[in-house]
Amino acid sequence: MVDSTNSIYSSAGLRTYEDANRTTGRSKNDLGQEDFLELMVAQLRNQDPMAPMENGEFLSQMAQFGTVQGIGELQNSFESFSSSVSSGQALQAAGLIGHYVLADTDKGTLAEGGQLEGVINVPASSPSVKVKVYDDVGQLVREVDLGGQASGDMTFVWDGTDDDGNVMSAGAYRVTAEATYEGASEALNVMMGSQVSSVTLNPNGGMSLGLVGGDTLEFSKVKQIL
């Protein structure tokens, strides 16, 4: 039965999936350009002479195949382009190792004998802007009153000492800021400067920066290279 079926396909100019797979090594779900053309030729040979395929129908099938093939090639092009972009970004990010970046985070790492730098966004002029520094267990170690400040971004530096002038140990610290408006305090956005120690490519295509001290930072959060 199988041999007779194969014979019928052969007489019609067709091949079974098994024959095609043995010849090309492709999956039975794949339809290449050569297979499509063979099917079209077989369809023309075996059409009803009394009702031949119209030119419009033939061209429509050719256009559908061309569209599918074009989409596949376009997808391959986009994948190649995406890979190139990711590689380029990785090379650029690798150049940040050893440099300081300003990021949208309130955490920073104090180096031994060093200091922390950051930027505070003051949305409107305030008679009093304060900065508070907390250690890694949430204990307040320093509060600095910066006095009246105009609107805009202002840079601040913490010298690494507590309220009593003692030098704090190296490690991770969190910095918050607040401004006074009409007698009420309002939290302000803080961006901290951190030193980059490594770059990691994430499975989703993004990148993470390893910071001195062990913290990580999404590359998208970097606002400025210092």
N, C-alpha and C. Protein backbone atom coordinates (compact mmCIF):
# COMPACT_ATOMS: atom_id res chain seq x y z
N MET A 1 0.84 -1.21 0.00
CA MET A 1 0.00 0.00 0.00
C MET A 1 0.86 1.25 0.00
N VAL A 2 1.92 1.21 0.82
CA VAL A 2 2.82 2.35 0.89
C VAL A 2 3.51 2.58 -0.43
N ASP A 3 3.98 1.45 -1.08
CA ASP A 3 4.69 1.59 -2.34
C ASP A 3 3.78 2.15 -3.41
N SER A 4 2.50 1.70 -3.44
CA SER A 4 1.57 2.20 -4.45
C SER A 4 1.27 3.67 -4.23
N THR A 5 1.19 4.08 -2.96
CA THR A 5 0.96 5.49 -2.65
C THR A 5 2.14 6.34 -3.12
N ASN A 6 3.35 5.84 -2.84
CA ASN A 6 4.54 6.56 -3.29
C ASN A 6 4.59 6.66 -4.80
N SER A 7 4.13 5.60 -5.47
CA SER A 7 4.12 5.60 -6.94
C SER A 7 3.16 6.66 -7.47
N ILE A 8 2.01 6.78 -6.81
CA ILE A 8 1.03 7.79 -7.24
C ILE A 8 1.60 9.18 -7.07
N TYR A 9 2.27 9.43 -5.91
CA TYR A 9 2.90 10.74 -5.69
C TYR A 9 3.96 11.01 -6.73
N SER A 10 4.75 9.97 -7.07
CA SER A 10 5.84 10.15 -8.02
C SER A 10 5.31 10.49 -9.40
N SER A 11 4.23 9.83 -9.80
CA SER A 11 3.66 10.11 -11.11
C SER A 11 3.09 11.52 -11.19
N ALA A 12 2.72 12.07 -10.04
CA ALA A 12 2.19 13.43 -10.02
C ALA A 12 3.29 14.47 -9.82
N GLY A 13 4.52 13.99 -9.73
CA GLY A 13 5.64 14.92 -9.54
C GLY A 13 5.80 15.36 -8.11
N LEU A 14 5.24 14.60 -7.15
CA LEU A 14 5.31 14.96 -5.74
C LEU A 14 6.18 13.98 -4.99
N ARG A 15 6.57 14.40 -3.76
CA ARG A 15 7.31 13.52 -2.87
C ARG A 15 6.59 13.44 -1.54
N THR A 16 6.69 12.31 -0.89
CA THR A 16 6.12 12.19 0.46
C THR A 16 7.01 12.94 1.43
N TYR A 17 6.47 13.18 2.65
CA TYR A 17 7.26 13.85 3.67
C TYR A 17 8.51 13.05 3.98
N GLU A 18 8.35 11.74 4.02
CA GLU A 18 9.48 10.89 4.34
C GLU A 18 10.59 11.03 3.30
N ASP A 19 10.19 11.04 1.99
CA ASP A 19 11.18 11.19 0.93
C ASP A 19 11.87 12.54 1.02
N ALA A 20 11.07 13.58 1.27
CA ALA A 20 11.63 14.93 1.34
C ALA A 20 12.59 15.06 2.52
N ASN A 21 12.21 14.45 3.64
CA ASN A 21 13.07 14.54 4.83
C ASN A 21 14.37 13.77 4.63
N ARG A 22 14.27 12.61 3.94
CA ARG A 22 15.49 11.84 3.70
C ARG A 22 16.42 12.58 2.76
N THR A 23 15.84 13.34 1.83
CA THR A 23 16.66 14.04 0.84
C THR A 23 17.26 15.31 1.38
N THR A 24 16.44 16.07 2.10
CA THR A 24 16.90 17.40 2.55
C THR A 24 17.30 17.44 4.00
N GLY A 25 16.78 16.50 4.83
CA GLY A 25 17.10 16.54 6.25
C GLY A 25 16.28 17.55 7.00
N ARG A 26 15.25 18.15 6.35
CA ARG A 26 14.43 19.15 7.03
C ARG A 26 13.31 18.48 7.79
N SER A 27 12.76 19.22 8.73
CA SER A 27 11.60 18.76 9.47
C SER A 27 10.40 18.73 8.55
N LYS A 28 9.42 17.86 8.85
CA LYS A 28 8.22 17.76 8.03
C LYS A 28 7.37 19.01 8.09
N ASN A 29 7.63 19.88 9.03
CA ASN A 29 6.87 21.12 9.14
C ASN A 29 7.49 22.25 8.33
N ASP A 30 8.69 22.03 7.75
CA ASP A 30 9.36 23.07 6.99
C ASP A 30 8.96 22.99 5.52
N LEU A 31 8.73 24.15 4.90
CA LEU A 31 8.39 24.22 3.48
C LEU A 31 9.32 25.24 2.86
N GLY A 32 10.29 24.74 2.08
CA GLY A 32 11.24 25.65 1.46
C GLY A 32 10.75 26.11 0.11
N GLN A 33 11.56 26.97 -0.54
CA GLN A 33 11.18 27.51 -1.84
C GLN A 33 11.10 26.40 -2.88
N GLU A 34 12.05 25.46 -2.85
CA GLU A 34 12.05 24.36 -3.82
C GLU A 34 10.79 23.51 -3.68
N ASP A 35 10.40 23.19 -2.43
CA ASP A 35 9.20 22.39 -2.21
C ASP A 35 7.96 23.12 -2.72
N PHE A 36 7.91 24.43 -2.47
CA PHE A 36 6.75 25.20 -2.90
C PHE A 36 6.63 25.19 -4.41
N LEU A 37 7.74 25.37 -5.11
CA LEU A 37 7.70 25.37 -6.57
C LEU A 37 7.29 24.01 -7.12
N GLU A 38 7.76 22.94 -6.46
CA GLU A 38 7.37 21.59 -6.92
C GLU A 38 5.87 21.38 -6.76
N LEU A 39 5.33 21.86 -5.64
CA LEU A 39 3.89 21.74 -5.42
C LEU A 39 3.11 22.54 -6.45
N MET A 40 3.58 23.73 -6.79
CA MET A 40 2.91 24.56 -7.77
C MET A 40 2.93 23.90 -9.15
N VAL A 41 4.08 23.32 -9.54
CA VAL A 41 4.18 22.63 -10.83
C VAL A 41 3.24 21.44 -10.87
N ALA A 42 3.22 20.65 -9.76
CA ALA A 42 2.32 19.50 -9.71
C ALA A 42 0.87 19.93 -9.80
N GLN A 43 0.54 21.05 -9.15
CA GLN A 43 -0.83 21.55 -9.19
C GLN A 43 -1.22 21.94 -10.61
N LEU A 44 -0.28 22.54 -11.36
CA LEU A 44 -0.56 22.93 -12.73
C LEU A 44 -0.72 21.70 -13.63
N ARG A 45 0.11 20.68 -13.39
CA ARG A 45 0.04 19.47 -14.22
C ARG A 45 -1.27 18.70 -14.02
N ASN A 46 -1.75 18.73 -12.77
CA ASN A 46 -2.92 17.92 -12.44
C ASN A 46 -4.20 18.71 -12.31
N GLN A 47 -4.22 19.95 -12.80
CA GLN A 47 -5.45 20.73 -12.72
C GLN A 47 -6.48 20.22 -13.73
N ASP A 48 -7.71 20.51 -13.48
CA ASP A 48 -8.81 20.11 -14.36
C ASP A 48 -8.73 20.95 -15.64
N PRO A 49 -8.55 20.31 -16.79
CA PRO A 49 -8.47 21.07 -18.05
C PRO A 49 -9.72 21.92 -18.30
N MET A 50 -10.86 21.47 -17.74
CA MET A 50 -12.10 22.20 -17.96
C MET A 50 -12.22 23.41 -17.01
N ALA A 51 -11.40 23.41 -15.98
CA ALA A 51 -11.43 24.53 -15.02
C ALA A 51 -10.01 24.85 -14.59
N PRO A 52 -9.19 25.34 -15.50
CA PRO A 52 -7.79 25.63 -15.18
C PRO A 52 -7.66 26.75 -14.16
N MET A 53 -6.52 26.73 -13.46
CA MET A 53 -6.27 27.76 -12.46
C MET A 53 -6.14 29.12 -13.14
N GLU A 54 -6.81 30.09 -12.59
CA GLU A 54 -6.74 31.43 -13.15
C GLU A 54 -5.43 32.09 -12.77
N ASN A 55 -4.98 33.02 -13.61
CA ASN A 55 -3.71 33.71 -13.36
C ASN A 55 -3.73 34.43 -12.01
N GLY A 56 -4.88 35.02 -11.69
CA GLY A 56 -4.98 35.76 -10.43
C GLY A 56 -4.78 34.86 -9.24
N GLU A 57 -5.35 33.66 -9.28
CA GLU A 57 -5.21 32.72 -8.18
C GLU A 57 -3.76 32.26 -8.06
N PHE A 58 -3.13 32.00 -9.21
CA PHE A 58 -1.74 31.56 -9.21
C PHE A 58 -0.84 32.64 -8.61
N LEU A 59 -1.03 33.89 -9.05
CA LEU A 59 -0.21 34.98 -8.54
C LEU A 59 -0.45 35.22 -7.06
N SER A 60 -1.71 34.99 -6.60
CA SER A 60 -2.03 35.17 -5.19
C SER A 60 -1.26 34.18 -4.34
N GLN A 61 -1.18 32.93 -4.79
CA GLN A 61 -0.42 31.93 -4.04
C GLN A 61 1.07 32.27 -4.02
N MET A 62 1.58 32.75 -5.14
CA MET A 62 2.99 33.13 -5.19
C MET A 62 3.25 34.30 -4.24
N ALA A 63 2.32 35.25 -4.19
CA ALA A 63 2.50 36.41 -3.32
C ALA A 63 2.47 36.00 -1.86
N GLN A 64 1.57 35.04 -1.51
CA GLN A 64 1.49 34.58 -0.13
C GLN A 64 2.80 33.92 0.29
N PHE A 65 3.35 33.11 -0.60
CA PHE A 65 4.61 32.45 -0.25
C PHE A 65 5.73 33.48 -0.11
N GLY A 66 5.74 34.45 -1.05
CA GLY A 66 6.77 35.49 -0.99
C GLY A 66 6.67 36.29 0.28
N THR A 67 5.43 36.54 0.75
CA THR A 67 5.25 37.31 1.98
C THR A 67 5.78 36.54 3.17
N VAL A 68 5.44 35.26 3.26
CA VAL A 68 5.91 34.42 4.37
C VAL A 68 7.43 34.33 4.37
N GLN A 69 7.99 34.12 3.19
CA GLN A 69 9.45 34.02 3.10
C GLN A 69 10.11 35.34 3.47
N GLY A 70 9.49 36.45 3.02
CA GLY A 70 10.03 37.77 3.35
C GLY A 70 10.00 38.06 4.83
N ILE A 71 8.91 37.66 5.50
CA ILE A 71 8.80 37.87 6.94
C ILE A 71 9.88 37.09 7.67
N GLY A 72 10.11 35.85 7.22
CA GLY A 72 11.15 35.04 7.85
C GLY A 72 12.52 35.69 7.71
N GLU A 73 12.82 36.20 6.51
CA GLU A 73 14.11 36.86 6.29
C GLU A 73 14.21 38.14 7.12
N LEU A 74 13.07 38.86 7.24
CA LEU A 74 13.06 40.09 8.04
C LEU A 74 13.32 39.78 9.51
N GLN A 75 12.71 38.70 10.01
CA GLN A 75 12.94 38.31 11.40
C GLN A 75 14.41 37.97 11.64
N ASN A 76 15.01 37.27 10.69
CA ASN A 76 16.43 36.94 10.82
C ASN A 76 17.29 38.19 10.84
N SER A 77 16.90 39.18 10.01
CA SER A 77 17.65 40.43 9.95
C SER A 77 17.55 41.18 11.28
N PHE A 78 16.32 41.21 11.85
CA PHE A 78 16.13 41.89 13.12
C PHE A 78 16.91 41.21 14.24
N GLU A 79 16.93 39.87 14.23
CA GLU A 79 17.68 39.15 15.26
C GLU A 79 19.17 39.47 15.16
N SER A 80 19.67 39.53 13.93
CA SER A 80 21.08 39.86 13.73
C SER A 80 21.37 41.29 14.16
N PHE A 81 20.44 42.20 13.83
CA PHE A 81 20.61 43.61 14.22
C PHE A 81 20.58 43.76 15.74
N SER A 82 19.63 43.06 16.38
CA SER A 82 19.52 43.13 17.84
C SER A 82 20.78 42.61 18.51
N SER A 83 21.33 41.54 17.96
CA SER A 83 22.56 40.98 18.51
C SER A 83 23.72 41.96 18.39
N SER A 84 23.77 42.66 17.25
CA SER A 84 24.84 43.62 17.03
C SER A 84 24.72 44.80 18.00
N VAL A 85 23.48 45.28 18.20
CA VAL A 85 23.25 46.39 19.11
C VAL A 85 23.65 46.01 20.53
N SER A 86 23.24 44.80 20.96
CA SER A 86 23.57 44.35 22.31
C SER A 86 25.08 44.25 22.50
N SER A 87 25.77 43.74 21.47
CA SER A 87 27.22 43.62 21.56
C SER A 87 27.87 44.99 21.66
N GLY A 88 27.35 45.94 20.88
CA GLY A 88 27.90 47.29 20.93
C GLY A 88 27.68 47.94 22.28
N GLN A 89 26.48 47.76 22.85
CA GLN A 89 26.20 48.31 24.17
C GLN A 89 27.09 47.67 25.23
N ALA A 90 27.32 46.38 25.10
CA ALA A 90 28.16 45.69 26.08
C ALA A 90 29.59 46.23 26.05
N LEU A 91 30.11 46.50 24.84
CA LEU A 91 31.45 47.04 24.73
C LEU A 91 31.54 48.44 25.34
N GLN A 92 30.49 49.26 25.10
CA GLN A 92 30.47 50.60 25.68
C GLN A 92 30.39 50.53 27.22
N ALA A 93 29.52 49.62 27.71
CA ALA A 93 29.36 49.50 29.15
C ALA A 93 30.64 48.99 29.80
N ALA A 94 31.36 48.09 29.11
CA ALA A 94 32.60 47.56 29.66
C ALA A 94 33.61 48.68 29.88
N GLY A 95 33.52 49.75 29.09
CA GLY A 95 34.41 50.88 29.25
C GLY A 95 34.14 51.68 30.51
N LEU A 96 33.02 51.39 31.19
CA LEU A 96 32.69 52.10 32.42
C LEU A 96 33.38 51.53 33.64
N ILE A 97 33.93 50.33 33.51
CA ILE A 97 34.57 49.70 34.67
C ILE A 97 35.68 50.59 35.21
N GLY A 98 35.60 50.86 36.51
CA GLY A 98 36.58 51.73 37.16
C GLY A 98 36.13 53.18 37.23
N HIS A 99 35.09 53.53 36.45
CA HIS A 99 34.60 54.90 36.45
C HIS A 99 33.41 55.05 37.42
N TYR A 100 33.08 56.29 37.73
CA TYR A 100 31.92 56.58 38.58
C TYR A 100 30.74 56.98 37.70
N VAL A 101 29.56 56.52 38.09
CA VAL A 101 28.34 56.88 37.36
C VAL A 101 27.33 57.46 38.35
N LEU A 102 26.53 58.38 37.84
CA LEU A 102 25.45 58.96 38.64
C LEU A 102 24.17 58.22 38.26
N ALA A 103 23.55 57.59 39.26
CA ALA A 103 22.40 56.74 38.98
C ALA A 103 21.19 57.12 39.83
N ASP A 104 20.03 56.74 39.33
CA ASP A 104 18.77 57.04 40.01
C ASP A 104 18.56 56.04 41.15
N THR A 105 19.36 56.17 42.18
CA THR A 105 19.27 55.30 43.36
C THR A 105 19.73 56.09 44.58
N ASP A 106 19.19 55.75 45.74
CA ASP A 106 19.58 56.46 46.97
C ASP A 106 20.67 55.71 47.73
N LYS A 107 21.23 54.64 47.14
CA LYS A 107 22.26 53.85 47.81
C LYS A 107 23.63 54.16 47.22
N GLY A 108 24.61 54.18 48.10
CA GLY A 108 25.98 54.40 47.67
C GLY A 108 26.94 53.60 48.53
N THR A 109 28.15 53.40 48.03
CA THR A 109 29.16 52.64 48.76
C THR A 109 30.31 53.56 49.15
N LEU A 110 30.56 53.64 50.44
CA LEU A 110 31.64 54.48 50.96
C LEU A 110 32.94 53.67 50.97
N ALA A 111 33.94 54.17 50.26
CA ALA A 111 35.24 53.50 50.25
C ALA A 111 36.01 53.85 51.52
N GLU A 112 37.01 53.06 51.85
CA GLU A 112 37.83 53.31 53.03
C GLU A 112 38.50 54.68 52.92
N GLY A 113 38.18 55.57 53.87
CA GLY A 113 38.74 56.90 53.85
C GLY A 113 38.20 57.80 52.76
N GLY A 114 37.11 57.38 52.10
CA GLY A 114 36.56 58.14 50.98
C GLY A 114 35.35 58.98 51.36
N GLN A 115 34.58 59.36 50.37
CA GLN A 115 33.39 60.16 50.57
C GLN A 115 32.32 59.75 49.56
N LEU A 116 31.10 60.19 49.79
CA LEU A 116 30.00 59.90 48.88
C LEU A 116 29.53 61.19 48.23
N GLU A 117 29.27 61.12 46.93
CA GLU A 117 28.76 62.26 46.18
C GLU A 117 27.39 61.91 45.60
N GLY A 118 26.57 62.93 45.46
CA GLY A 118 25.25 62.71 44.90
C GLY A 118 24.63 64.02 44.41
N VAL A 119 23.45 63.88 43.83
CA VAL A 119 22.71 65.04 43.32
C VAL A 119 21.28 64.98 43.85
N ILE A 120 20.81 66.11 44.34
CA ILE A 120 19.44 66.22 44.84
C ILE A 120 18.65 67.12 43.90
N ASN A 121 17.46 66.68 43.55
CA ASN A 121 16.59 67.51 42.72
C ASN A 121 15.64 68.30 43.61
N VAL A 122 15.77 69.62 43.57
CA VAL A 122 14.92 70.51 44.35
C VAL A 122 13.88 71.11 43.39
N PRO A 123 12.63 70.66 43.44
CA PRO A 123 11.63 71.12 42.46
C PRO A 123 11.29 72.59 42.55
N ALA A 124 11.39 73.18 43.74
CA ALA A 124 11.09 74.60 43.93
C ALA A 124 11.94 75.14 45.07
N SER A 125 12.20 76.43 45.05
CA SER A 125 13.02 77.04 46.09
C SER A 125 12.49 76.69 47.48
N SER A 126 13.43 76.37 48.38
CA SER A 126 13.05 75.98 49.73
C SER A 126 13.94 76.68 50.75
N PRO A 127 13.39 77.08 51.89
CA PRO A 127 14.22 77.74 52.91
C PRO A 127 15.11 76.76 53.67
N SER A 128 14.82 75.45 53.53
CA SER A 128 15.61 74.47 54.27
C SER A 128 15.63 73.13 53.54
N VAL A 129 16.84 72.67 53.20
CA VAL A 129 17.03 71.35 52.58
C VAL A 129 17.97 70.55 53.47
N LYS A 130 17.56 69.35 53.83
CA LYS A 130 18.36 68.50 54.71
C LYS A 130 18.70 67.18 54.02
N VAL A 131 19.89 66.67 54.35
CA VAL A 131 20.35 65.37 53.85
C VAL A 131 20.58 64.47 55.05
N LYS A 132 20.09 63.23 54.96
CA LYS A 132 20.27 62.26 56.03
C LYS A 132 20.97 61.02 55.47
N VAL A 133 21.93 60.51 56.23
CA VAL A 133 22.70 59.33 55.82
C VAL A 133 22.44 58.20 56.81
N TYR A 134 22.07 57.02 56.27
CA TYR A 134 21.78 55.84 57.11
C TYR A 134 22.77 54.72 56.76
N ASP A 135 23.12 53.92 57.76
CA ASP A 135 24.00 52.78 57.49
C ASP A 135 23.19 51.61 56.96
N ASP A 136 23.85 50.45 56.78
CA ASP A 136 23.18 49.32 56.14
C ASP A 136 22.12 48.65 57.01
N VAL A 137 22.03 49.04 58.31
CA VAL A 137 20.98 48.49 59.16
C VAL A 137 19.89 49.52 59.43
N GLY A 138 19.99 50.67 58.75
CA GLY A 138 18.94 51.68 58.87
C GLY A 138 19.13 52.68 59.98
N GLN A 139 20.30 52.71 60.60
CA GLN A 139 20.56 53.66 61.68
C GLN A 139 21.05 54.99 61.10
N LEU A 140 20.47 56.10 61.58
CA LEU A 140 20.88 57.42 61.13
C LEU A 140 22.27 57.74 61.68
N VAL A 141 23.21 58.06 60.79
CA VAL A 141 24.58 58.36 61.22
C VAL A 141 24.96 59.82 60.99
N ARG A 142 24.26 60.49 60.10
CA ARG A 142 24.60 61.89 59.84
C ARG A 142 23.39 62.63 59.27
N GLU A 143 23.17 63.84 59.80
CA GLU A 143 22.13 64.72 59.26
C GLU A 143 22.77 66.08 59.00
N VAL A 144 22.62 66.57 57.78
CA VAL A 144 23.25 67.83 57.39
C VAL A 144 22.18 68.79 56.89
N ASP A 145 22.13 69.98 57.46
CA ASP A 145 21.19 71.02 57.02
C ASP A 145 21.92 71.89 56.00
N LEU A 146 21.47 71.84 54.76
CA LEU A 146 22.11 72.58 53.69
C LEU A 146 21.56 74.01 53.56
N GLY A 147 20.59 74.36 54.42
CA GLY A 147 20.03 75.70 54.39
C GLY A 147 19.11 75.91 53.20
N GLY A 148 18.86 77.17 52.87
CA GLY A 148 17.98 77.50 51.75
C GLY A 148 18.63 77.16 50.42
N GLN A 149 17.81 76.64 49.51
CA GLN A 149 18.31 76.23 48.19
C GLN A 149 17.32 76.66 47.11
N ALA A 150 17.86 77.08 45.97
CA ALA A 150 17.03 77.43 44.82
C ALA A 150 16.59 76.16 44.11
N SER A 151 15.62 76.27 43.24
CA SER A 151 15.14 75.11 42.50
C SER A 151 16.21 74.61 41.52
N GLY A 152 16.17 73.32 41.24
CA GLY A 152 17.13 72.72 40.31
C GLY A 152 17.92 71.60 40.96
N ASP A 153 18.88 71.07 40.23
CA ASP A 153 19.74 70.00 40.76
C ASP A 153 20.90 70.59 41.53
N MET A 154 21.12 70.07 42.72
CA MET A 154 22.25 70.54 43.54
C MET A 154 23.12 69.35 43.94
N THR A 155 24.41 69.54 43.90
CA THR A 155 25.37 68.49 44.24
C THR A 155 25.71 68.57 45.73
N PHE A 156 25.83 67.41 46.36
CA PHE A 156 26.23 67.35 47.77
C PHE A 156 27.33 66.31 47.93
N VAL A 157 28.11 66.47 48.98
CA VAL A 157 29.20 65.53 49.29
C VAL A 157 29.14 65.19 50.77
N TRP A 158 29.14 63.89 51.08
CA TRP A 158 29.24 63.45 52.47
C TRP A 158 30.67 62.99 52.70
N ASP A 159 31.31 63.56 53.71
CA ASP A 159 32.73 63.27 53.93
C ASP A 159 33.00 61.96 54.65
N GLY A 160 31.95 61.20 54.96
CA GLY A 160 32.17 59.89 55.58
C GLY A 160 32.25 59.90 57.09
N THR A 161 31.85 61.01 57.73
CA THR A 161 31.88 61.08 59.20
C THR A 161 30.46 61.18 59.75
N ASP A 162 30.29 60.78 61.02
CA ASP A 162 28.97 60.87 61.63
C ASP A 162 28.79 62.24 62.29
N ASP A 163 27.68 62.41 63.01
CA ASP A 163 27.39 63.71 63.62
C ASP A 163 28.43 64.12 64.66
N ASP A 164 29.16 63.16 65.21
CA ASP A 164 30.18 63.46 66.22
C ASP A 164 31.57 63.61 65.62
N GLY A 165 31.65 63.51 64.27
CA GLY A 165 32.96 63.65 63.62
C GLY A 165 33.74 62.37 63.50
N ASN A 166 33.17 61.24 63.91
CA ASN A 166 33.86 59.95 63.80
C ASN A 166 33.83 59.46 62.35
N VAL A 167 34.95 58.91 61.90
CA VAL A 167 35.03 58.38 60.55
C VAL A 167 34.28 57.05 60.49
N MET A 168 33.34 56.95 59.57
CA MET A 168 32.54 55.73 59.43
C MET A 168 33.29 54.67 58.62
N SER A 169 32.98 53.43 58.90
CA SER A 169 33.62 52.33 58.18
C SER A 169 33.12 52.25 56.75
N ALA A 170 33.95 51.66 55.90
CA ALA A 170 33.57 51.49 54.50
C ALA A 170 32.37 50.56 54.40
N GLY A 171 31.53 50.79 53.40
CA GLY A 171 30.36 49.93 53.22
C GLY A 171 29.23 50.67 52.54
N ALA A 172 28.05 50.04 52.56
CA ALA A 172 26.88 50.59 51.88
C ALA A 172 26.12 51.54 52.80
N TYR A 173 25.68 52.65 52.23
CA TYR A 173 24.90 53.65 52.96
C TYR A 173 23.74 54.12 52.08
N ARG A 174 22.69 54.56 52.76
CA ARG A 174 21.53 55.10 52.05
C ARG A 174 21.38 56.57 52.39
N VAL A 175 21.11 57.38 51.36
CA VAL A 175 21.01 58.82 51.53
C VAL A 175 19.61 59.29 51.15
N THR A 176 18.98 60.07 52.03
CA THR A 176 17.68 60.66 51.72
C THR A 176 17.80 62.17 51.84
N ALA A 177 16.86 62.88 51.22
CA ALA A 177 16.85 64.34 51.29
C ALA A 177 15.42 64.82 51.41
N GLU A 178 15.24 65.94 52.06
CA GLU A 178 13.91 66.52 52.22
C GLU A 178 14.01 68.04 52.21
N ALA A 179 12.94 68.67 51.75
CA ALA A 179 12.89 70.13 51.71
C ALA A 179 11.64 70.59 52.45
N THR A 180 11.70 71.80 52.97
CA THR A 180 10.57 72.37 53.70
C THR A 180 9.80 73.33 52.79
N TYR A 181 8.49 73.08 52.70
CA TYR A 181 7.61 73.94 51.92
C TYR A 181 6.40 74.30 52.78
N GLU A 182 6.25 75.59 53.08
CA GLU A 182 5.12 76.08 53.88
C GLU A 182 4.99 75.31 55.19
N GLY A 183 6.13 75.07 55.83
CA GLY A 183 6.15 74.42 57.13
C GLY A 183 6.08 72.91 57.11
N ALA A 184 5.92 72.31 55.93
CA ALA A 184 5.84 70.84 55.83
C ALA A 184 7.05 70.30 55.08
N SER A 185 7.50 69.10 55.46
CA SER A 185 8.65 68.47 54.81
C SER A 185 8.21 67.64 53.62
N GLU A 186 8.99 67.67 52.56
CA GLU A 186 8.71 66.89 51.35
C GLU A 186 9.97 66.15 50.92
N ALA A 187 9.82 64.85 50.69
CA ALA A 187 10.97 64.03 50.27
C ALA A 187 11.41 64.44 48.86
N LEU A 188 12.72 64.44 48.65
CA LEU A 188 13.29 64.82 47.36
C LEU A 188 13.97 63.62 46.71
N ASN A 189 14.05 63.68 45.40
CA ASN A 189 14.71 62.61 44.66
C ASN A 189 16.23 62.75 44.78
N VAL A 190 16.89 61.61 45.05
CA VAL A 190 18.34 61.59 45.23
C VAL A 190 18.97 60.67 44.20
N MET A 191 20.05 61.12 43.59
CA MET A 191 20.84 60.29 42.68
C MET A 191 22.26 60.20 43.23
N MET A 192 22.75 58.97 43.35
CA MET A 192 24.05 58.75 43.97
C MET A 192 25.12 58.39 42.94
N GLY A 193 26.36 58.79 43.26
CA GLY A 193 27.50 58.41 42.44
C GLY A 193 28.11 57.13 42.95
N SER A 194 28.39 56.19 42.05
CA SER A 194 28.96 54.89 42.45
C SER A 194 30.02 54.47 41.45
N GLN A 195 31.00 53.71 41.92
CA GLN A 195 32.06 53.22 41.05
C GLN A 195 31.69 51.86 40.47
N VAL A 196 31.88 51.70 39.16
CA VAL A 196 31.53 50.46 38.47
C VAL A 196 32.68 49.47 38.55
N SER A 197 32.35 48.23 38.92
CA SER A 197 33.38 47.18 39.03
C SER A 197 33.23 46.08 37.98
N SER A 198 32.01 45.93 37.42
CA SER A 198 31.79 44.87 36.43
C SER A 198 30.54 45.16 35.61
N VAL A 199 30.40 44.44 34.49
CA VAL A 199 29.23 44.57 33.61
C VAL A 199 28.70 43.17 33.33
N THR A 200 27.38 42.99 33.45
CA THR A 200 26.76 41.70 33.22
C THR A 200 25.64 41.82 32.18
N LEU A 201 25.63 40.92 31.19
CA LEU A 201 24.55 40.87 30.21
C LEU A 201 23.43 40.01 30.77
N ASN A 202 22.23 40.56 30.84
CA ASN A 202 21.09 39.83 31.38
C ASN A 202 20.42 38.99 30.30
N PRO A 203 19.73 37.91 30.69
CA PRO A 203 19.05 37.05 29.71
C PRO A 203 18.00 37.79 28.88
N ASN A 204 17.39 38.83 29.46
CA ASN A 204 16.35 39.58 28.74
C ASN A 204 16.92 40.61 27.79
N GLY A 205 18.25 40.68 27.69
CA GLY A 205 18.86 41.61 26.76
C GLY A 205 19.38 42.87 27.40
N GLY A 206 18.97 43.15 28.65
CA GLY A 206 19.47 44.33 29.33
C GLY A 206 20.84 44.09 29.93
N MET A 207 21.35 45.10 30.61
CA MET A 207 22.66 44.98 31.23
C MET A 207 22.60 45.49 32.67
N SER A 208 23.41 44.87 33.51
CA SER A 208 23.53 45.28 34.90
C SER A 208 24.97 45.64 35.20
N LEU A 209 25.13 46.67 36.01
CA LEU A 209 26.46 47.10 36.42
C LEU A 209 26.71 46.65 37.85
N GLY A 210 27.84 46.00 38.05
CA GLY A 210 28.25 45.64 39.39
C GLY A 210 29.00 46.83 39.99
N LEU A 211 28.64 47.22 41.21
CA LEU A 211 29.24 48.39 41.84
C LEU A 211 30.21 47.98 42.94
N VAL A 212 31.18 48.80 43.18
CA VAL A 212 32.12 48.55 44.28
C VAL A 212 31.33 48.51 45.59
N GLY A 213 31.48 47.42 46.30
CA GLY A 213 30.70 47.23 47.52
C GLY A 213 29.71 46.09 47.40
N GLY A 214 29.48 45.61 46.16
CA GLY A 214 28.62 44.45 45.97
C GLY A 214 27.24 44.72 45.42
N ASP A 215 26.79 45.96 45.38
CA ASP A 215 25.46 46.26 44.85
C ASP A 215 25.46 46.16 43.32
N THR A 216 24.28 45.98 42.74
CA THR A 216 24.11 45.96 41.29
C THR A 216 23.15 47.06 40.88
N LEU A 217 23.28 47.48 39.64
CA LEU A 217 22.47 48.59 39.14
C LEU A 217 22.12 48.34 37.68
N GLU A 218 20.84 48.51 37.33
CA GLU A 218 20.44 48.38 35.94
C GLU A 218 21.06 49.52 35.14
N PHE A 219 21.60 49.17 33.97
CA PHE A 219 22.26 50.15 33.13
C PHE A 219 21.32 51.30 32.74
N SER A 220 20.03 51.00 32.63
CA SER A 220 19.04 52.01 32.24
C SER A 220 18.89 53.11 33.29
N LYS A 221 19.33 52.86 34.53
CA LYS A 221 19.20 53.85 35.59
C LYS A 221 20.35 54.84 35.64
N VAL A 222 21.37 54.62 34.83
CA VAL A 222 22.52 55.52 34.80
C VAL A 222 22.11 56.85 34.14
N LYS A 223 22.30 57.93 34.86
CA LYS A 223 21.94 59.26 34.34
C LYS A 223 23.14 60.03 33.80
N GLN A 224 24.30 59.77 34.37
CA GLN A 224 25.48 60.54 33.98
C GLN A 224 26.74 59.77 34.34
N ILE A 225 27.75 59.90 33.50
CA ILE A 225 29.07 59.32 33.79
C ILE A 225 29.92 60.43 34.39
N LEU A 226 30.40 60.22 35.59
CA LEU A 226 31.15 61.27 36.28
C LEU A 226 32.64 61.25 35.92
